[in-house]
PDB file of N, CA and C in Angstrom:
ATOM      1  N   MET A   1      51.663 160.336  73.161  1.00  0.00           N
ATOM      2  CA  MET A   1      51.383 160.852  72.132  1.00  0.00           C
ATOM      3  C   MET A   1      52.552 161.939  71.799  1.00  0.00           C
ATOM      4  N   ALA A   2      53.370 161.809  70.494  1.00  0.00           N
ATOM      5  CA  ALA A   2      54.084 162.682  70.723  1.00  0.00           C
ATOM      6  C   ALA A   2      53.733 163.815  70.020  1.00  0.00           C
ATOM      7  N   LYS A   3      54.696 165.131  70.474  1.00  0.00           N
ATOM      8  CA  LYS A   3      54.328 166.523  70.182  1.00  0.00           C
ATOM      9  C   LYS A   3      54.319 166.662  68.839  1.00  0.00           C
ATOM     10  N   LYS A   4      53.811 167.251  67.975  1.00  0.00           N
ATOM     11  CA  LYS A   4      54.218 167.973  66.522  1.00  0.00           C
ATOM     12  C   LYS A   4      55.205 168.626  66.778  1.00  0.00           C
ATOM     13  N   SER A   5      56.374 168.763  66.030  1.00  0.00           N
ATOM     14  CA  SER A   5      57.233 169.654  65.835  1.00  0.00           C
ATOM     15  C   SER A   5      56.928 170.999  65.134  1.00  0.00           C
ATOM     16  N   ILE A   6      57.119 172.304  65.991  1.00  0.00           N
ATOM     17  CA  ILE A   6      56.768 173.405  65.054  1.00  0.00           C
ATOM     18  C   ILE A   6      58.334 174.197  64.663  1.00  0.00           C
ATOM     19  N   THR A   7      57.903 175.233  63.877  1.00  0.00           N
ATOM     20  CA  THR A   7      58.967 175.861  63.392  1.00  0.00           C
ATOM     21  C   THR A   7      58.889 177.250  64.279  1.00  0.00           C
ATOM     22  N   TYR A   8      60.017 177.854  63.945  1.00  0.00           N
ATOM     23  CA  TYR A   8      60.341 179.111  64.985  1.00  0.00           C
ATOM     24  C   TYR A   8      58.941 180.132  64.567  1.00  0.00           C
ATOM     25  N   ALA A   9      58.905 180.082  63.206  1.00  0.00           N
ATOM     26  CA  ALA A   9      57.753 181.132  62.697  1.00  0.00           C
ATOM     27  C   ALA A   9      56.320 180.663  63.080  1.00  0.00           C
ATOM     28  N   GLU A  10      55.879 179.454  63.137  1.00  0.00           N
ATOM     29  CA  GLU A  10      54.902 179.021  63.929  1.00  0.00           C
ATOM     30  C   GLU A  10      54.463 179.073  65.465  1.00  0.00           C
ATOM     31  N   ALA A  11      55.749 179.049  66.257  1.00  0.00           N
ATOM     32  CA  ALA A  11      55.792 179.648  67.318  1.00  0.00           C
ATOM     33  C   ALA A  11      55.443 181.098  67.705  1.00  0.00           C
ATOM     34  N   ILE A  12      56.021 181.617  66.975  1.00  0.00           N
ATOM     35  CA  ILE A  12      55.905 183.334  67.060  1.00  0.00           C
ATOM     36  C   ILE A  12      54.385 183.644  66.585  1.00  0.00           C
ATOM     37  N   ALA A  13      53.982 183.056  65.831  1.00  0.00           N
ATOM     38  CA  ALA A  13      52.548 183.102  65.252  1.00  0.00           C
ATOM     39  C   ALA A  13      51.741 182.784  66.328  1.00  0.00           C
ATOM     40  N   GLU A  14      51.854 181.733  66.986  1.00  0.00           N
ATOM     41  CA  GLU A  14      51.132 181.192  68.036  1.00  0.00           C
ATOM     42  C   GLU A  14      51.181 182.245  69.311  1.00  0.00           C
ATOM     43  N   ILE A  15      52.347 182.715  69.620  1.00  0.00           N
ATOM     44  CA  ILE A  15      52.567 183.816  70.808  1.00  0.00           C
ATOM     45  C   ILE A  15      51.592 185.016  70.101  1.00  0.00           C
ATOM     46  N   GLU A  16      51.893 185.458  69.195  1.00  0.00           N
ATOM     47  CA  GLU A  16      51.143 186.713  68.627  1.00  0.00           C
ATOM     48  C   GLU A  16      49.969 186.548  68.824  1.00  0.00           C
ATOM     49  N   ASP A  17      49.083 185.318  68.521  1.00  0.00           N
ATOM     50  CA  ASP A  17      47.661 184.980  68.582  1.00  0.00           C
ATOM     51  C   ASP A  17      47.040 184.965  69.730  1.00  0.00           C
ATOM     52  N   ILE A  18      47.939 184.555  70.796  1.00  0.00           N
ATOM     53  CA  ILE A  18      47.162 184.321  72.331  1.00  0.00           C
ATOM     54  C   ILE A  18      47.731 185.876  72.931  1.00  0.00           C
ATOM     55  N   VAL A  19      48.811 186.250  72.515  1.00  0.00           N
ATOM     56  CA  VAL A  19      48.806 187.633  73.139  1.00  0.00           C
ATOM     57  C   VAL A  19      47.805 188.618  72.936  1.00  0.00           C
ATOM     58  N   GLU A  20      47.304 188.614  71.318  1.00  0.00           N
ATOM     59  CA  GLU A  20      46.345 189.439  70.901  1.00  0.00           C
ATOM     60  C   GLU A  20      44.927 188.902  71.414  1.00  0.00           C
ATOM     61  N   LYS A  21      44.557 187.790  71.646  1.00  0.00           N
ATOM     62  CA  LYS A  21      43.488 187.559  72.465  1.00  0.00           C
ATOM     63  C   LYS A  21      43.381 188.066  73.803  1.00  0.00           C
ATOM     64  N   ILE A  22      44.540 187.995  74.344  1.00  0.00           N
ATOM     65  CA  ILE A  22      44.428 188.479  76.023  1.00  0.00           C
ATOM     66  C   ILE A  22      44.479 189.650  75.892  1.00  0.00           C
ATOM     67  N   GLU A  23      44.807 190.613  75.113  1.00  0.00           N
ATOM     68  CA  GLU A  23      44.656 192.212  74.807  1.00  0.00           C
ATOM     69  C   GLU A  23      43.462 192.557  74.515  1.00  0.00           C
ATOM     70  N   SER A  24      42.729 191.676  73.884  1.00  0.00           N
ATOM     71  CA  SER A  24      41.558 192.123  73.178  1.00  0.00           C
ATOM     72  C   SER A  24      40.373 191.587  74.070  1.00  0.00           C
ATOM     73  N   ASN A  25      40.774 190.985  74.988  1.00  0.00           N
ATOM     74  CA  ASN A  25      39.844 190.321  76.296  1.00  0.00           C
ATOM     75  C   ASN A  25      38.926 189.187  75.396  1.00  0.00           C
ATOM     76  N   GLU A  26      39.541 188.381  74.515  1.00  0.00           N
ATOM     77  CA  GLU A  26      38.559 187.449  73.762  1.00  0.00           C
ATOM     78  C   GLU A  26      38.813 186.244  74.397  1.00  0.00           C
ATOM     79  N   LEU A  27      40.139 186.133  75.244  1.00  0.00           N
ATOM     80  CA  LEU A  27      40.454 184.733  75.639  1.00  0.00           C
ATOM     81  C   LEU A  27      39.415 184.554  76.997  1.00  0.00           C
ATOM     82  N   ASP A  28      38.838 183.403  77.096  1.00  0.00           N
ATOM     83  CA  ASP A  28      38.220 182.728  77.913  1.00  0.00           C
ATOM     84  C   ASP A  28      39.122 182.634  79.343  1.00  0.00           C
ATOM     85  N   ILE A  29      38.662 183.249  80.227  1.00  0.00           N
ATOM     86  CA  ILE A  29      39.463 183.398  81.437  1.00  0.00           C
ATOM     87  C   ILE A  29      39.751 182.038  82.029  1.00  0.00           C
ATOM     88  N   ASP A  30      39.009 181.044  81.720  1.00  0.00           N
ATOM     89  CA  ASP A  30      38.960 179.752  82.422  1.00  0.00           C
ATOM     90  C   ASP A  30      40.244 178.962  81.836  1.00  0.00           C
ATOM     91  N   ASN A  31      40.838 179.341  80.479  1.00  0.00           N
ATOM     92  CA  ASN A  31      41.719 178.614  79.904  1.00  0.00           C
ATOM     93  C   ASN A  31      42.817 179.793  80.037  1.00  0.00           C
ATOM     94  N   LEU A  32      42.782 180.935  80.359  1.00  0.00           N
ATOM     95  CA  LEU A  32      43.883 182.043  80.653  1.00  0.00           C
ATOM     96  C   LEU A  32      45.331 180.941  81.099  1.00  0.00           C
ATOM     97  N   THR A  33      45.437 180.480  82.215  1.00  0.00           N
ATOM     98  CA  THR A  33      46.386 179.855  82.719  1.00  0.00           C
ATOM     99  C   THR A  33      46.962 178.867  81.592  1.00  0.00           C
ATOM    100  N   GLN A  34      46.070 177.964  81.197  1.00  0.00           N
ATOM    101  CA  GLN A  34      46.672 177.093  80.399  1.00  0.00           C
ATOM    102  C   GLN A  34      47.304 177.874  79.023  1.00  0.00           C
ATOM    103  N   ASP A  35      46.939 178.786  78.643  1.00  0.00           N
ATOM    104  CA  ASP A  35      47.348 179.388  77.414  1.00  0.00           C
ATOM    105  C   ASP A  35      48.709 180.203  77.807  1.00  0.00           C
ATOM    106  N   VAL A  36      48.604 180.752  79.025  1.00  0.00           N
ATOM    107  CA  VAL A  36      49.845 181.617  79.577  1.00  0.00           C
ATOM    108  C   VAL A  36      51.126 180.471  79.637  1.00  0.00           C
ATOM    109  N   LYS A  37      50.618 179.297  79.954  1.00  0.00           N
ATOM    110  CA  LYS A  37      51.847 178.278  80.115  1.00  0.00           C
ATOM    111  C   LYS A  37      52.294 177.907  78.706  1.00  0.00           C
ATOM    112  N   ARG A  38      51.515 177.787  77.964  1.00  0.00           N
ATOM    113  CA  ARG A  38      51.695 177.340  76.589  1.00  0.00           C
ATOM    114  C   ARG A  38      52.505 178.813  75.844  1.00  0.00           C
ATOM    115  N   VAL A  39      52.069 179.927  76.055  1.00  0.00           N
ATOM    116  CA  VAL A  39      53.095 181.003  75.601  1.00  0.00           C
ATOM    117  C   VAL A  39      54.580 180.853  76.320  1.00  0.00           C
ATOM    118  N   SER A  40      54.654 180.330  77.459  1.00  0.00           N
ATOM    119  CA  SER A  40      55.677 180.370  78.152  1.00  0.00           C
ATOM    120  C   SER A  40      56.533 179.010  77.626  1.00  0.00           C
ATOM    121  N   GLU A  41      56.015 178.083  76.981  1.00  0.00           N
ATOM    122  CA  GLU A  41      56.535 176.862  76.639  1.00  0.00           C
ATOM    123  C   GLU A  41      57.174 177.459  75.258  1.00  0.00           C
ATOM    124  N   LEU A  42      56.359 178.315  74.254  1.00  0.00           N
ATOM    125  CA  LEU A  42      56.820 178.701  73.278  1.00  0.00           C
ATOM    126  C   LEU A  42      57.766 179.544  73.322  1.00  0.00           C
ATOM    127  N   ILE A  43      57.840 180.377  74.195  1.00  0.00           N
ATOM    128  CA  ILE A  43      59.066 181.432  74.387  1.00  0.00           C
ATOM    129  C   ILE A  43      59.969 180.501  74.562  1.00  0.00           C
ATOM    130  N   LYS A  44      60.551 179.539  75.340  1.00  0.00           N
ATOM    131  CA  LYS A  44      61.478 178.944  75.886  1.00  0.00           C
ATOM    132  C   LYS A  44      61.925 177.933  74.490  1.00  0.00           C
ATOM    133  N   PHE A  45      61.066 177.659  73.905  1.00  0.00           N
ATOM    134  CA  PHE A  45      61.378 176.875  72.445  1.00  0.00           C
ATOM    135  C   PHE A  45      62.110 177.980  71.371  1.00  0.00           C
ATOM    136  N   CYS A  46      61.619 179.314  71.185  1.00  0.00           N
ATOM    137  CA  CYS A  46      62.055 180.128  70.395  1.00  0.00           C
ATOM    138  C   CYS A  46      63.568 180.747  70.866  1.00  0.00           C
ATOM    139  N   LYS A  47      63.477 180.636  72.305  1.00  0.00           N
ATOM    140  CA  LYS A  47      65.146 181.188  72.779  1.00  0.00           C
ATOM    141  C   LYS A  47      65.975 180.048  72.578  1.00  0.00           C
ATOM    142  N   ALA A  48      65.715 178.667  72.691  1.00  0.00           N
ATOM    143  CA  ALA A  48      66.582 177.793  72.283  1.00  0.00           C
ATOM    144  C   ALA A  48      66.873 177.559  71.039  1.00  0.00           C
ATOM    145  N   LYS A  49      65.924 177.967  69.955  1.00  0.00           N
ATOM    146  CA  LYS A  49      66.178 177.960  68.621  1.00  0.00           C
ATOM    147  C   LYS A  49      67.235 178.946  68.215  1.00  0.00           C
ATOM    148  N   LEU A  50      66.842 180.089  68.846  1.00  0.00           N
ATOM    149  CA  LEU A  50      67.653 181.095  68.866  1.00  0.00           C
ATOM    150  C   LEU A  50      69.300 180.905  69.078  1.00  0.00           C
ATOM    151  N   ARG A  51      69.243 180.253  70.399  1.00  0.00           N
ATOM    152  CA  ARG A  51      70.853 180.124  71.062  1.00  0.00           C
ATOM    153  C   ARG A  51      71.376 179.144  69.754  1.00  0.00           C
ATOM    154  N   GLU A  52      70.398 178.089  69.372  1.00  0.00           N
ATOM    155  CA  GLU A  52      71.150 176.919  68.349  1.00  0.00           C
ATOM    156  C   GLU A  52      71.586 177.516  67.225  1.00  0.00           C
ATOM    157  N   THR A  53      70.921 178.346  66.625  1.00  0.00           N
ATOM    158  CA  THR A  53      71.277 179.027  65.363  1.00  0.00           C
ATOM    159  C   THR A  53      72.169 180.073  65.616  1.00  0.00           C
ATOM    160  N   GLU A  54      72.594 180.916  66.601  1.00  0.00           N
ATOM    161  CA  GLU A  54      73.497 181.827  66.862  1.00  0.00           C
ATOM    162  C   GLU A  54      74.773 180.925  66.656  1.00  0.00           C
ATOM    163  N   LEU A  55      74.776 179.552  67.540  1.00  0.00           N
ATOM    164  CA  LEU A  55      75.930 178.810  67.753  1.00  0.00           C
ATOM    165  C   LEU A  55      76.306 177.723  66.412  1.00  0.00           C
ATOM    166  N   GLU A  56      75.489 177.845  65.719  1.00  0.00           N
ATOM    167  CA  GLU A  56      75.458 177.319  63.994  1.00  0.00           C
ATOM    168  C   GLU A  56      76.444 178.306  63.335  1.00  0.00           C
ATOM    169  N   VAL A  57      76.004 179.600  63.312  1.00  0.00           N
ATOM    170  CA  VAL A  57      76.183 180.612  62.419  1.00  0.00           C
ATOM    171  C   VAL A  57      77.704 180.963  62.888  1.00  0.00           C
ATOM    172  N   GLU A  58      77.917 180.928  64.419  1.00  0.00           N
ATOM    173  CA  GLU A  58      79.376 181.290  64.759  1.00  0.00           C
ATOM    174  C   GLU A  58      80.390 179.962  64.253  1.00  0.00           C
ATOM    175  N   ASN A  59      79.819 179.174  64.307  1.00  0.00           N
ATOM    176  CA  ASN A  59      80.693 177.826  63.555  1.00  0.00           C
ATOM    177  C   ASN A  59      80.925 178.030  62.382  1.00  0.00           C
ATOM    178  N   ILE A  60      79.812 178.039  61.485  1.00  0.00           N
ATOM    179  CA  ILE A  60      80.150 178.414  60.074  1.00  0.00           C
ATOM    180  C   ILE A  60      81.156 179.530  60.153  1.00  0.00           C
ATOM    181  N   LEU A  61      80.983 180.709  60.397  1.00  0.00           N
ATOM    182  CA  LEU A  61      81.952 181.914  60.478  1.00  0.00           C
ATOM    183  C   LEU A  61      83.346 181.527  60.678  1.00  0.00           C
ATOM    184  N   LYS A  62      83.512 180.916  61.914  1.00  0.00           N
ATOM    185  CA  LYS A  62      84.838 180.308  62.282  1.00  0.00           C
ATOM    186  C   LYS A  62      85.427 179.483  61.119  1.00  0.00           C
ATOM    187  N   ASP A  63      84.735 178.403  60.957  1.00  0.00           N
ATOM    188  CA  ASP A  63      85.286 177.696  59.876  1.00  0.00           C
ATOM    189  C   ASP A  63      85.628 178.426  58.747  1.00  0.00           C
ATOM    190  N   PHE A  64      84.998 179.580  58.076  1.00  0.00           N
ATOM    191  CA  PHE A  64      85.313 180.253  57.025  1.00  0.00           C
ATOM    192  C   PHE A  64      86.668 181.289  57.512  1.00  0.00           C
ATOM    193  N   ASP A  65      86.869 181.605  58.523  1.00  0.00           N
ATOM    194  CA  ASP A  65      87.825 182.591  58.479  1.00  0.00           C
ATOM    195  C   ASP A  65      89.010 181.205  58.747  1.00  0.00           C
ATOM    196  N   GLU A  66      88.944 180.208  59.234  1.00  0.00           N
ATOM    197  CA  GLU A  66      90.273 179.214  59.155  1.00  0.00           C
ATOM    198  C   GLU A  66      90.562 178.805  57.829  1.00  0.00           C
ATOM    199  N   GLU A  67      89.699 179.227  56.895  1.00  0.00           N
ATOM    200  CA  GLU A  67      90.020 178.607  55.644  1.00  0.00           C
ATOM    201  C   GLU A  67      91.222 179.663  54.695  1.00  0.00           C
TER     202      GLU A  67
END
């Protein structure tokens, strides 16, 4: 089964939702490990997306300066 592609904004929203549940003690302790792993995956995705975007912007600006 292929994973659904998510956007940066969706990943941030999901992280915020899980953190809010943890902070308000709404999270089921039986699912805590699974949710922490999910947050870790989302953070890695967001960091990669930010790095990718930074490189793209740098390349655009570099091309702009060369013109």
